[in-house]
C-alpha atoms as a PDB file:
ATOM      1  CA  MET A   1       2.690 -44.998  21.609  1.00  0.00           C
ATOM      2  CA  LYS A   2       2.011 -48.563  20.208  1.00  0.00           C
ATOM      3  CA  GLY A   3      -0.960 -47.116  17.928  1.00  0.00           C
ATOM      4  CA  PHE A   4       1.413 -44.191  16.770  1.00  0.00           C
ATOM      5  CA  PHE A   5       3.842 -46.783  15.738  1.00  0.00           C
ATOM      6  CA  ASN A   6       1.206 -48.926  14.214  1.00  0.00           C
ATOM      7  CA  GLY A   7      -0.304 -45.615  11.947  1.00  0.00           C
ATOM      8  CA  LEU A   8       3.164 -44.727  11.175  1.00  0.00           C
ATOM      9  CA  ILE A   9       3.884 -48.123   9.571  1.00  0.00           C
ATOM     10  CA  LEU A  10       0.292 -48.306   7.942  1.00  0.00           C
ATOM     11  CA  GLY A  11       1.012 -44.542   6.413  1.00  0.00           C
ATOM     12  CA  VAL A  12       4.252 -45.822   4.998  1.00  0.00           C
ATOM     13  CA  ILE A  13       2.641 -48.917   3.337  1.00  0.00           C
ATOM     14  CA  LEU A  14      -0.142 -46.875   1.905  1.00  0.00           C
ATOM     15  CA  GLY A  15       2.394 -44.259   0.599  1.00  0.00           C
ATOM     16  CA  ALA A  16       4.347 -46.795  -1.065  1.00  0.00           C
ATOM     17  CA  ALA A  17       1.397 -48.632  -2.507  1.00  0.00           C
ATOM     18  CA  GLY A  18       0.096 -45.306  -4.092  1.00  0.00           C
ATOM     19  CA  TYR A  19       3.387 -44.284  -5.406  1.00  0.00           C
ATOM     20  CA  TRP A  20       3.771 -47.790  -7.231  1.00  0.00           C
ATOM     21  CA  PHE A  21       0.186 -47.664  -8.303  1.00  0.00           C
ATOM     22  CA  ILE A  22       0.943 -44.113 -10.083  1.00  0.00           C
ATOM     23  CA  GLN A  23       4.197 -45.193 -11.707  1.00  0.00           C
ATOM     24  CA  ASN A  24       2.241 -48.355 -13.171  1.00  0.00           C
ATOM     25  CA  LYS A  25      -0.569 -46.209 -14.497  1.00  0.00           C
ATOM     26  CA  ALA A  26       2.305 -43.689 -16.233  1.00  0.00           C
ATOM     27  CA  ARG A  27       3.821 -46.643 -17.877  1.00  0.00           C
ATOM     28  CA  GLU A  28       0.614 -47.937 -19.301  1.00  0.00           C
ATOM     29  CA  HIS A  29      -0.036 -44.223 -20.799  1.00  0.00           C
ATOM     30  CA  PRO A  30       3.473 -43.049 -22.004  1.00  0.00           C
ATOM     31  CA  GLU A  31       1.602 -40.216 -23.668  1.00  0.00           C
ATOM     32  CA  ALA A  32       0.633 -38.701 -20.467  1.00  0.00           C
ATOM     33  CA  GLU A  33       4.105 -39.056 -19.244  1.00  0.00           C
ATOM     34  CA  GLN A  34       5.410 -37.569 -22.455  1.00  0.00           C
ATOM     35  CA  ARG A  35       3.105 -34.530 -21.664  1.00  0.00           C
ATOM     36  CA  ALA A  36       4.157 -34.300 -18.315  1.00  0.00           C
ATOM     37  CA  GLU A  37       7.907 -34.055 -19.003  1.00  0.00           C
ATOM     38  CA  ALA A  38       6.883 -31.550 -22.025  1.00  0.00           C
ATOM     39  CA  ALA A  39       5.006 -29.520 -19.226  1.00  0.00           C
ATOM     40  CA  ALA A  40       7.845 -29.634 -16.728  1.00  0.00           C
ATOM     41  CA  ALA A  41      10.316 -28.512 -19.847  1.00  0.00           C
ATOM     42  CA  GLN A  42       7.876 -25.449 -20.454  1.00  0.00           C
ATOM     43  CA  ALA A  43       7.799 -24.453 -16.850  1.00  0.00           C
ATOM     44  CA  GLN A  44      11.579 -24.416 -16.686  1.00  0.00           C
ATOM     45  CA  THR A  45      11.747 -22.338 -19.814  1.00  0.00           C
ATOM     46  CA  SER A  46       8.957 -20.007 -18.751  1.00  0.00           C
ATOM     47  CA  ALA A  47      10.781 -19.806 -15.315  1.00  0.00           C
ATOM     48  CA  GLY A  48      13.873 -18.701 -17.136  1.00  0.00           C
ATOM     49  CA  GLU A  49      12.206 -16.152 -19.023  1.00  0.00           C
ATOM     50  CA  ALA A  50      10.724 -14.593 -16.283  1.00  0.00           C
ATOM     51  CA  GLY A  51      14.016 -14.137 -14.423  1.00  0.00           C
ATOM     52  CA  ARG A  52      15.485 -12.575 -17.459  1.00  0.00           C
ATOM     53  CA  HIS A  53      12.641 -10.229 -17.738  1.00  0.00           C
ATOM     54  CA  LEU A  54      12.956  -9.495 -13.758  1.00  0.00           C
ATOM     55  CA  SER A  55      16.232  -8.742 -13.996  1.00  0.00           C
ATOM     56  CA  ASP A  56      15.807  -6.474 -16.932  1.00  0.00           C
ATOM     57  CA  ALA A  57      13.024  -4.512 -15.147  1.00  0.00           C
ATOM     58  CA  LEU A  58      15.257  -4.059 -12.176  1.00  0.00           C
ATOM     59  CA  LYS A  59      18.014  -2.725 -14.310  1.00  0.00           C
ATOM     60  CA  ALA A  60      15.853  -0.486 -15.820  1.00  0.00           C
ATOM     61  CA  LYS A  61      14.272   0.681 -12.352  1.00  0.00           C
ATOM     62  CA  LEU A  62      17.965   1.335 -11.396  1.00  0.00           C
ATOM     63  CA  GLU A  63      18.792   3.346 -13.911  1.00  0.00           C
ATOM     64  CA  THR A  64      15.842   5.802 -14.074  1.00  0.00           C
ATOM     65  CA  LEU A  65      16.411   6.180 -10.196  1.00  0.00           C
ATOM     66  CA  ASP A  66      20.088   6.989 -11.012  1.00  0.00           C
ATOM     67  CA  LEU A  67      21.024   3.997  -8.845  1.00  0.00           C
ATOM     68  CA  ARG A  68      23.842   2.630 -11.320  1.00  0.00           C
ATOM     69  CA  SER A  69      27.316   2.024  -9.426  1.00  0.00           C
ATOM     70  CA  ASP A  70      29.254   4.832 -10.802  1.00  0.00           C
ATOM     71  CA  GLN A  71      26.329   7.138  -9.826  1.00  0.00           C
ATOM     72  CA  ILE A  72      26.035   5.940  -6.232  1.00  0.00           C
ATOM     73  CA  LYS A  73      29.978   6.293  -5.963  1.00  0.00           C
ATOM     74  CA  ASP A  74      29.891   9.513  -7.418  1.00  0.00           C
ATOM     75  CA  GLU A  75      26.993  11.064  -5.410  1.00  0.00           C
ATOM     76  CA  LEU A  76      28.550   9.134  -1.930  1.00  0.00           C
ATOM     77  CA  ALA A  77      31.657  11.343  -2.841  1.00  0.00           C
ATOM     78  CA  ARG A  78      29.693  14.431  -3.163  1.00  0.00           C
ATOM     79  CA  THR A  79      27.377  13.990  -0.258  1.00  0.00           C
ATOM     80  CA  GLY A  80      28.035  11.299   1.819  1.00  0.00           C
ATOM     81  CA  LYS A  81      24.455   9.993   1.274  1.00  0.00           C
ATOM     82  CA  ILE A  82      22.101   8.557  -1.127  1.00  0.00           C
ATOM     83  CA  VAL A  83      18.628   9.901  -1.012  1.00  0.00           C
ATOM     84  CA  ARG A  84      15.732   9.002  -3.283  1.00  0.00           C
ATOM     85  CA  ARG A  85      12.313   9.601  -3.211  1.00  0.00           C
ATOM     86  CA  LYS A  86       9.528   7.755  -4.654  1.00  0.00           C
ATOM     87  CA  ALA A  87       7.551   9.714  -7.430  1.00  0.00           C
ATOM     88  CA  HIS A  88       3.885   9.918  -6.761  1.00  0.00           C
ATOM     89  CA  ASP A  89       1.636   8.855  -9.919  1.00  0.00           C
ATOM     90  CA  ILE A  90      -0.476  11.754 -11.338  1.00  0.00           C
ATOM     91  CA  GLY A  91      -3.483   9.710 -10.595  1.00  0.00           C
ATOM     92  CA  GLU A  92      -2.667   9.395  -7.371  1.00  0.00           C
ATOM     93  CA  GLN A  93      -2.216  13.095  -6.852  1.00  0.00           C
ATOM     94  CA  VAL A  94      -5.613  13.887  -8.438  1.00  0.00           C
ATOM     95  CA  ALA A  95      -7.051  11.412  -6.376  1.00  0.00           C
ATOM     96  CA  ASP A  96      -5.617  13.117  -3.215  1.00  0.00           C
ATOM     97  CA  ALA A  97      -6.861  16.324  -4.503  1.00  0.00           C
ATOM     98  CA  ALA A  98     -10.458  14.974  -4.683  1.00  0.00           C
ATOM     99  CA  VAL A  99     -10.109  13.118  -0.999  1.00  0.00           C
ATOM    100  CA  ASP A 100      -8.911  16.694   0.317  1.00  0.00           C
ATOM    101  CA  ALA A 101     -11.784  18.534  -1.527  1.00  0.00           C
ATOM    102  CA  ARG A 102     -14.227  16.208  -0.087  1.00  0.00           C
ATOM    103  CA  ILE A 103     -12.807  16.456   3.376  1.00  0.00           C
ATOM    104  CA  VAL A 104     -13.122  20.290   3.329  1.00  0.00           C
ATOM    105  CA  THR A 105     -16.484  19.876   2.203  1.00  0.00           C
ATOM    106  CA  ALA A 106     -17.709  17.491   4.693  1.00  0.00           C
ATOM    107  CA  ILE A 107     -15.775  19.763   7.658  1.00  0.00           C
ATOM    108  CA  LYS A 108     -17.708  23.042   6.546  1.00  0.00           C
ATOM    109  CA  ALA A 109     -20.953  21.117   6.342  1.00  0.00           C
ATOM    110  CA  LYS A 110     -20.499  20.235   9.899  1.00  0.00           C
ATOM    111  CA  TYR A 111     -19.605  23.772  10.600  1.00  0.00           C
ATOM    112  CA  THR A 112     -22.964  25.025   9.041  1.00  0.00           C
ATOM    113  CA  ALA A 113     -25.009  22.745  11.284  1.00  0.00           C
ATOM    114  CA  ASP A 114     -23.629  24.255  14.227  1.00  0.00           C
ATOM    115  CA  SER A 115     -25.001  27.230  15.024  1.00  0.00           C
ATOM    116  CA  ASP A 116     -21.824  28.576  17.159  1.00  0.00           C
ATOM    117  CA  LEU A 117     -19.589  28.154  14.290  1.00  0.00           C
ATOM    118  CA  SER A 118     -19.571  30.247  11.012  1.00  0.00           C
ATOM    119  CA  VAL A 119     -18.593  28.701   8.039  1.00  0.00           C
ATOM    120  CA  TRP A 120     -17.771  32.056   6.646  1.00  0.00           C
ATOM    121  CA  LYS A 121     -15.186  33.101   9.427  1.00  0.00           C
ATOM    122  CA  ILE A 122     -13.603  29.705   9.489  1.00  0.00           C
ATOM    123  CA  SER A 123     -11.119  28.689   6.435  1.00  0.00           C
ATOM    124  CA  VAL A 124     -10.640  25.066   6.269  1.00  0.00           C
ATOM    125  CA  SER A 125      -7.690  23.576   4.017  1.00  0.00           C
ATOM    126  CA  SER A 126      -6.642  19.968   3.656  1.00  0.00           C
ATOM    127  CA  ASP A 127      -3.612  18.358   2.386  1.00  0.00           C
ATOM    128  CA  GLN A 128      -3.534  14.718   2.333  1.00  0.00           C
ATOM    129  CA  GLY A 129      -5.659  14.395   5.295  1.00  0.00           C
ATOM    130  CA  HIS A 130      -3.735  17.205   7.452  1.00  0.00           C
ATOM    131  CA  VAL A 131      -6.331  19.698   8.285  1.00  0.00           C
ATOM    132  CA  THR A 132      -5.666  23.582   8.903  1.00  0.00           C
ATOM    133  CA  LEU A 133      -8.511  25.819  10.616  1.00  0.00           C
ATOM    134  CA  SER A 134      -7.698  29.507  10.502  1.00  0.00           C
ATOM    135  CA  GLY A 135     -10.190  32.450  10.897  1.00  0.00           C
ATOM    136  CA  THR A 136     -12.028  33.455  13.977  1.00  0.00           C
ATOM    137  CA  VAL A 137     -14.628  32.216  16.689  1.00  0.00           C
ATOM    138  CA  SER A 138     -16.645  33.870  19.176  1.00  0.00           C
ATOM    139  CA  ALA A 139     -15.267  31.943  22.146  1.00  0.00           C
ATOM    140  CA  GLU A 140     -12.253  29.525  23.299  1.00  0.00           C
ATOM    141  CA  GLN A 141     -14.752  26.712  23.421  1.00  0.00           C
ATOM    142  CA  ASN A 142     -15.684  27.128  19.452  1.00  0.00           C
ATOM    143  CA  ILE A 143     -12.150  26.361  18.818  1.00  0.00           C
ATOM    144  CA  GLY A 144     -12.454  23.102  20.507  1.00  0.00           C
ATOM    145  CA  GLU A 145     -15.493  22.306  18.932  1.00  0.00           C
ATOM    146  CA  ALA A 146     -13.995  23.162  15.433  1.00  0.00           C
ATOM    147  CA  VAL A 147     -11.081  21.041  16.053  1.00  0.00           C
ATOM    148  CA  ALA A 148     -13.277  18.071  17.482  1.00  0.00           C
ATOM    149  CA  LEU A 149     -15.777  18.089  14.281  1.00  0.00           C
ATOM    150  CA  ALA A 150     -12.854  18.298  12.142  1.00  0.00           C
ATOM    151  CA  LEU A 151     -11.142  15.354  13.753  1.00  0.00           C
ATOM    152  CA  GLU A 152     -14.409  13.527  13.107  1.00  0.00           C
ATOM    153  CA  THR A 153     -14.274  13.423   9.723  1.00  0.00           C
ATOM    154  CA  ASP A 154     -13.402  10.475   7.599  1.00  0.00           C
ATOM    155  CA  GLY A 155      -9.911  10.878   6.044  1.00  0.00           C
ATOM    156  CA  VAL A 156      -8.702  13.289   8.708  1.00  0.00           C
ATOM    157  CA  HIS A 157      -5.197  12.416   9.836  1.00  0.00           C
ATOM    158  CA  ASP A 158      -4.632  15.534  12.128  1.00  0.00           C
ATOM    159  CA  VAL A 159      -5.628  19.047  12.533  1.00  0.00           C
ATOM    160  CA  THR A 160      -3.933  22.025  13.172  1.00  0.00           C
ATOM    161  CA  SER A 161      -5.586  25.358  14.221  1.00  0.00           C
ATOM    162  CA  THR A 162      -4.679  29.030  14.152  1.00  0.00           C
ATOM    163  CA  LEU A 163      -8.245  29.998  15.078  1.00  0.00           C
ATOM    164  CA  THR A 164      -8.386  33.267  17.086  1.00  0.00           C
ATOM    165  CA  VAL A 165     -11.043  34.363  19.584  1.00  0.00           C
ATOM    166  CA  LYS A 166     -13.058  37.511  18.447  1.00  0.00           C
ATOM    167  CA  PRO A 167     -16.249  38.094  20.101  1.00  0.00           C
ATOM    168  CA  SER A 168     -19.325  38.991  18.147  1.00  0.00           C
ATOM    169  CA  PRO A 169     -20.500  42.437  18.425  1.00  0.00           C
END
């Protein structure tokens, strides 16, 4: 406990000495003190402008989403609730379509490599990683294989199968 107290006293003394030294150096160089004050004023001005820009951006966003007070009041009176959905950027939609195409291609390639599954008899579609399999297979176990191979593909969230069994002639 005595060591802690001594360390605390020493820390306070060193902190006070450091503060005194910095203040003396600032008084020796008034131009540095003026630059510091100018920088502080600039930072305050910039912060105020940023706040105004943020406020303007929020107002524009509320207007775009039909979330003004009068619009909310009207919608609550008509429907009893407020519902808004986030609009997807066209670039995101294009990227999603490319990912879905890659998923379908990867699954069909796996089916091509498996002699029990026919890429011609199994239709594969993907919508944002939700895969649907349809068509026919020659045995029940092939349905399981088709679903398992689809689930092993990167980007697949879930698989829905409507595959039916149609024995080969």
